[in-house]
Amino acid sequence: MEKILVTTDQSVNSKAAIRFAIKLAKQRKAELIILYVYHNVKPFSWSEKVFEEYEGAFIEKIRAELTEFIADIYHDIHEPEAQHQLVLVSNLDAADGIMAYASKHNCSYICISTRGAGTFTKILGTHTSKLIRNSAIPVLCIPSAYRLKELKHILYASDMTDYENELKKVVAFAKPIHASVEIMHISYPYEFAFDKEMMEATLQKKTAYKVSVLNPKRDITHALLEDIDHAVKVSKPSLLVLFTHQSRSMFERLLFPSNAEEYSFYGKIPLLTFNKQEDK
């Protein structure tokens, strides 16, 4: 059975991801795991026994609060409370804790809320940004202001360098929820123009799933993300899919953040990111 992991810090912002994960797990008949990562520092003056007693009480308190927090979310979306796991793990770094748990327990997707970030926070990196860059497991980024909607249409933005393998992953996500898939390639003026109908027929044959094609032209007077944003307005997807590059150095990331990292800071629709290993 698929496992969908959603993270929370008990904040109002984290509710969007939990609402999304509840619906997605129901649609995909997947197991839902709700994860809370914490870290308590042991005072030097405390004995191990005292600290263990404190941590035990802390976990009990947080678990009770989370149980009520999650029950309220189910109530808000008018869903009967379904079976789920509530997990608390200790880790100094929240993103590392999330990735370690997701990997150890073979989770299929990680779901997290994002509320945007200023330049300073962007440079330092947020939990969401770190997950996008480093997670081997696909990450679903849900804007904190997102209102729950049915996932009907998925837009996959492609650079066409490995679209066949990438499209298989997109279709694997879309098929169980019966969502339509559209592949978008923003082409430069010098690129060869492909036949839309022929391309769609080829893609359907290769994936055994209907895939439509969107091929807007690149406007070099705009940033690439502006072109993506314009295409999103045309396509009106329920979710955007991007594949992110992980092999770049930290210096390159600071100067040229990946499209996926950039988009997660101001996107208004959910974003699904897969890692994309480049040839070395």
Protein backbone atom coordinates (compact mmCIF):
# COMPACT_ATOMS: atom_id res chain seq x y z
CA MET A 1 0.00 0.00 0.00
CA GLU A 2 1.17 3.51 -0.81
CA LYS A 3 2.14 5.73 2.11
CA ILE A 4 1.60 9.49 2.09
CA LEU A 5 3.57 11.39 4.71
CA VAL A 6 2.37 14.85 5.74
CA THR A 7 4.24 17.08 8.16
CA THR A 8 2.88 19.49 10.74
CA ASP A 9 4.18 21.85 13.40
CA GLN A 10 0.65 22.48 14.76
CA SER A 11 0.57 25.86 13.03
CA VAL A 12 -2.39 27.22 11.08
CA ASN A 13 -0.18 27.23 7.97
CA SER A 14 0.36 23.47 8.18
CA LYS A 15 -3.38 22.76 7.96
CA ALA A 16 -3.41 23.16 4.17
CA ALA A 17 -1.03 20.24 3.67
CA ILE A 18 -2.97 18.02 6.09
CA ARG A 19 -6.28 18.77 4.36
CA PHE A 20 -4.69 18.00 1.00
CA ALA A 21 -3.06 14.78 2.26
CA ILE A 22 -6.30 13.52 3.80
CA LYS A 23 -8.13 13.91 0.49
CA LEU A 24 -5.24 12.49 -1.55
CA ALA A 25 -4.86 9.43 0.70
CA LYS A 26 -8.58 8.76 0.38
CA GLN A 27 -8.47 9.07 -3.43
CA ARG A 28 -5.41 6.85 -3.77
CA LYS A 29 -6.48 4.41 -1.04
CA ALA A 30 -3.14 5.10 0.60
CA GLU A 31 -1.97 4.95 4.20
CA LEU A 32 -1.75 8.41 5.80
CA ILE A 33 1.10 9.23 8.18
CA ILE A 34 1.09 12.55 10.02
CA LEU A 35 4.59 13.44 11.21
CA TYR A 36 5.72 15.92 13.87
CA VAL A 37 9.47 16.51 14.19
CA TYR A 38 10.75 17.97 17.44
CA HIS A 39 14.02 18.52 19.24
CA ASN A 40 14.49 19.02 22.98
CA VAL A 41 17.85 20.14 24.38
CA LYS A 42 18.91 18.49 27.64
CA PRO A 43 20.01 21.06 30.26
CA PHE A 44 23.47 20.32 31.63
CA SER A 45 22.16 20.23 35.17
CA TRP A 46 19.57 17.51 34.42
CA SER A 47 20.24 13.82 34.88
CA GLU A 48 19.33 11.37 32.11
CA LYS A 49 16.41 10.12 34.18
CA VAL A 50 14.99 13.62 34.69
CA PHE A 51 15.35 14.41 31.01
CA GLU A 52 13.68 11.14 29.96
CA GLU A 53 10.74 11.90 32.27
CA TYR A 54 10.48 15.40 30.82
CA GLU A 55 10.61 14.13 27.23
CA GLY A 56 8.01 11.45 27.99
CA ALA A 57 5.63 14.09 29.37
CA PHE A 58 6.38 16.38 26.42
CA ILE A 59 5.54 13.65 23.88
CA GLU A 60 2.33 12.78 25.69
CA LYS A 61 1.28 16.45 25.72
CA ILE A 62 2.11 17.01 22.02
CA ARG A 63 0.36 13.79 21.00
CA ALA A 64 -2.83 14.88 22.80
CA GLU A 65 -2.65 18.34 21.19
CA LEU A 66 -2.03 16.86 17.74
CA THR A 67 -4.92 14.42 18.10
CA GLU A 68 -7.28 17.32 18.77
CA PHE A 69 -5.64 19.46 16.05
CA ILE A 70 -6.16 16.75 13.42
CA ALA A 71 -9.70 15.95 14.55
CA ASP A 72 -10.60 19.62 14.03
CA ILE A 73 -9.22 19.49 10.47
CA TYR A 74 -11.32 16.43 9.63
CA HIS A 75 -14.34 18.26 11.03
CA ASP A 76 -13.57 21.42 9.00
CA ILE A 77 -13.49 19.51 5.70
CA HIS A 78 -16.57 17.45 6.61
CA GLU A 79 -14.72 14.16 6.45
CA PRO A 80 -15.16 11.30 8.93
CA GLU A 81 -11.87 10.76 10.73
CA ALA A 82 -10.08 8.00 8.80
CA GLN A 83 -7.40 5.69 10.09
CA HIS A 84 -3.99 7.33 10.14
CA GLN A 85 -0.69 7.10 11.97
CA LEU A 86 0.42 9.95 14.20
CA VAL A 87 4.22 9.86 14.53
CA LEU A 88 6.60 11.99 16.59
CA VAL A 89 10.33 11.84 15.88
CA SER A 90 13.26 13.72 17.38
CA ASN A 91 15.75 15.37 15.04
CA LEU A 92 17.82 18.53 15.27
CA ASP A 93 16.85 19.44 11.69
CA ALA A 94 13.18 19.11 10.73
CA ALA A 95 13.84 18.47 7.03
CA ASP A 96 16.42 15.78 7.82
CA GLY A 97 13.96 14.16 10.22
CA ILE A 98 11.24 14.15 7.57
CA MET A 99 13.50 12.66 4.88
CA ALA A 100 14.94 10.02 7.21
CA TYR A 101 11.52 8.83 8.33
CA ALA A 102 10.05 8.89 4.80
CA SER A 103 12.98 6.88 3.44
CA LYS A 104 13.03 4.33 6.26
CA HIS A 105 9.29 3.68 5.98
CA ASN A 106 9.11 3.65 2.16
CA CYS A 107 6.75 6.60 1.83
CA SER A 108 5.59 7.39 -1.71
CA TYR A 109 5.09 11.15 -1.26
CA ILE A 110 5.99 13.84 1.27
CA CYS A 111 3.40 16.58 1.71
CA ILE A 112 4.25 19.93 3.32
CA SER A 113 2.67 23.38 3.55
CA THR A 114 4.56 26.39 2.28
CA ARG A 115 3.78 30.01 2.98
CA GLY A 116 6.51 31.77 0.99
CA ALA A 117 9.69 33.37 2.19
CA GLY A 118 11.65 36.60 1.97
CA THR A 119 15.05 36.88 0.32
CA PHE A 120 16.97 36.27 3.55
CA THR A 121 15.02 33.13 4.36
CA LYS A 122 15.36 31.95 0.76
CA ILE A 123 19.16 32.18 0.92
CA LEU A 124 19.32 30.34 4.25
CA GLY A 125 16.83 27.78 2.99
CA THR A 126 13.48 26.69 4.39
CA HIS A 127 12.34 23.18 5.23
CA THR A 128 10.38 23.10 1.98
CA SER A 129 13.33 24.28 -0.10
CA LYS A 130 15.63 21.73 1.52
CA LEU A 131 13.16 18.93 0.86
CA ILE A 132 12.82 19.95 -2.79
CA ARG A 133 16.61 20.00 -3.24
CA ASN A 134 17.48 16.85 -1.34
CA SER A 135 14.55 14.47 -1.03
CA ALA A 136 14.72 11.27 -3.08
CA ILE A 137 10.97 11.00 -2.44
CA PRO A 138 8.60 13.27 -4.43
CA VAL A 139 7.49 16.35 -2.50
CA LEU A 140 4.04 17.93 -2.61
CA CYS A 141 4.17 21.62 -1.65
CA ILE A 142 0.79 23.01 -0.67
CA PRO A 143 0.40 26.82 -0.36
CA SER A 144 -0.91 27.66 3.11
CA ALA A 145 -3.72 29.76 1.61
CA TYR A 146 -4.77 26.96 -0.77
CA ARG A 147 -8.46 26.04 -0.68
CA LEU A 148 -9.13 22.35 -1.09
CA LYS A 149 -10.23 21.39 -4.60
CA GLU A 150 -10.55 18.18 -6.55
CA LEU A 151 -7.42 17.23 -8.48
CA LYS A 152 -8.74 17.14 -12.03
CA HIS A 153 -5.93 18.41 -14.24
CA ILE A 154 -2.15 18.07 -13.91
CA LEU A 155 0.31 20.26 -15.79
CA TYR A 156 3.82 18.84 -16.19
CA ALA A 157 6.43 21.44 -17.18
CA SER A 158 9.21 19.73 -19.15
CA ASP A 159 12.54 20.71 -20.66
CA MET A 160 12.11 17.62 -22.91
CA THR A 161 15.53 16.18 -22.01
CA ASP A 162 14.07 13.08 -20.31
CA TYR A 163 10.34 13.53 -20.83
CA GLU A 164 9.51 9.85 -21.44
CA ASN A 165 10.81 8.68 -18.05
CA GLU A 166 9.48 11.73 -16.27
CA LEU A 167 6.05 11.42 -17.85
CA LYS A 168 5.74 7.85 -16.54
CA LYS A 169 6.07 9.21 -13.00
CA VAL A 170 3.51 11.94 -13.69
CA VAL A 171 1.03 9.43 -15.13
CA ALA A 172 1.62 7.11 -12.14
CA PHE A 173 0.48 9.97 -9.91
CA ALA A 174 -2.45 11.00 -12.12
CA LYS A 175 -3.92 7.63 -13.06
CA PRO A 176 -5.27 6.47 -9.65
CA ILE A 177 -7.09 9.79 -9.17
CA HIS A 178 -8.32 9.93 -12.80
CA ALA A 179 -6.73 13.32 -13.43
CA SER A 180 -5.98 14.58 -16.93
CA VAL A 181 -2.33 15.21 -17.83
CA GLU A 182 -0.89 17.99 -19.97
CA ILE A 183 2.80 18.26 -20.84
CA MET A 184 4.08 21.77 -21.35
CA HIS A 185 7.32 22.71 -23.07
CA ILE A 186 8.16 26.38 -23.41
CA SER A 187 10.15 26.48 -26.63
CA TYR A 188 12.75 28.98 -27.79
CA PRO A 189 12.51 30.49 -31.29
CA TYR A 190 15.37 28.32 -32.58
CA GLU A 191 13.74 25.03 -31.48
CA PHE A 192 12.07 22.68 -33.93
CA ALA A 193 8.26 22.99 -33.82
CA PHE A 194 6.64 19.57 -33.33
CA ASP A 195 3.24 18.48 -34.58
CA LYS A 196 0.80 18.64 -31.63
CA GLU A 197 -1.56 15.87 -32.77
CA MET A 198 1.28 13.52 -33.67
CA MET A 199 3.02 14.22 -30.36
CA GLU A 200 -0.16 13.52 -28.38
CA ALA A 201 -0.75 10.24 -30.24
CA THR A 202 2.85 9.18 -29.57
CA LEU A 203 2.63 10.03 -25.87
CA GLN A 204 -0.65 8.14 -25.45
CA LYS A 205 0.92 5.08 -27.06
CA LYS A 206 4.00 5.26 -24.84
CA THR A 207 2.14 5.88 -21.56
CA ALA A 208 -1.20 4.13 -22.20
CA TYR A 209 -2.77 7.34 -20.92
CA LYS A 210 -4.20 10.38 -22.68
CA VAL A 211 -1.71 13.25 -22.53
CA SER A 212 -2.36 16.64 -24.11
CA VAL A 213 0.40 18.99 -25.24
CA LEU A 214 0.90 22.70 -24.52
CA ASN A 215 3.74 24.36 -26.42
CA PRO A 216 3.92 28.10 -25.69
CA LYS A 217 6.78 30.16 -27.09
CA ARG A 218 9.51 31.53 -24.86
CA ASP A 219 9.48 35.29 -24.35
CA ILE A 220 13.13 36.14 -23.67
CA THR A 221 12.11 39.54 -22.29
CA HIS A 222 10.55 37.68 -19.34
CA ALA A 223 12.03 35.46 -16.66
CA LEU A 224 11.30 31.78 -17.34
CA LEU A 225 9.05 31.63 -14.29
CA GLU A 226 6.90 34.39 -15.79
CA ASP A 227 6.41 32.23 -18.87
CA ILE A 228 5.54 29.24 -16.65
CA ASP A 229 3.11 31.41 -14.70
CA HIS A 230 1.44 32.57 -17.93
CA ALA A 231 1.10 28.96 -19.11
CA VAL A 232 -0.42 27.99 -15.77
CA LYS A 233 -3.08 30.68 -16.27
CA VAL A 234 -3.84 29.25 -19.73
CA SER A 235 -3.90 25.59 -18.65
CA LYS A 236 -5.62 26.21 -15.27
CA PRO A 237 -4.20 23.04 -13.67
CA SER A 238 -5.09 21.65 -10.26
CA LEU A 239 -1.41 20.84 -9.72
CA LEU A 240 1.92 21.71 -11.35
CA VAL A 241 4.71 19.14 -11.70
CA LEU A 242 8.39 20.08 -11.95
CA PHE A 243 11.57 18.02 -11.91
CA THR A 244 14.40 19.63 -9.95
CA HIS A 245 18.16 19.32 -10.44
CA GLN A 246 20.21 18.15 -7.45
CA SER A 247 23.76 18.03 -8.78
CA ARG A 248 24.44 21.77 -8.74
CA SER A 249 26.78 23.27 -6.17
CA MET A 250 25.50 25.38 -3.27
CA PHE A 251 27.04 28.44 -4.93
CA GLU A 252 24.95 27.85 -8.06
CA ARG A 253 21.82 27.32 -5.96
CA LEU A 254 22.28 30.64 -4.22
CA LEU A 255 22.74 32.55 -7.47
CA PHE A 256 20.40 30.55 -9.69
CA PRO A 257 17.73 28.80 -7.60
CA SER A 258 15.96 25.99 -9.44
CA ASN A 259 12.55 26.66 -10.95
CA ALA A 260 10.98 24.29 -8.43
CA GLU A 261 12.51 26.05 -5.43
CA GLU A 262 11.57 29.49 -6.76
CA TYR A 263 8.01 28.53 -7.63
CA SER A 264 7.32 27.03 -4.20
CA PHE A 265 7.67 30.46 -2.63
CA TYR A 266 4.80 32.12 -4.44
CA GLY A 267 2.81 29.41 -6.20
CA LYS A 268 -0.93 29.54 -5.70
CA ILE A 269 -1.57 25.93 -6.67
CA PRO A 270 -0.02 22.73 -5.28
CA LEU A 271 3.39 21.82 -6.66
CA LEU A 272 4.71 18.27 -7.03
CA THR A 273 8.48 17.99 -7.40
CA PHE A 274 10.57 14.99 -8.35
CA ASN A 275 14.33 14.96 -8.11
CA LYS A 276 16.15 14.92 -11.43
CA GLN A 277 19.64 13.47 -11.43
CA GLU A 278 21.76 14.95 -14.17
CA ASP A 279 24.31 12.96 -16.12
CA LYS A 280 27.80 13.49 -14.80
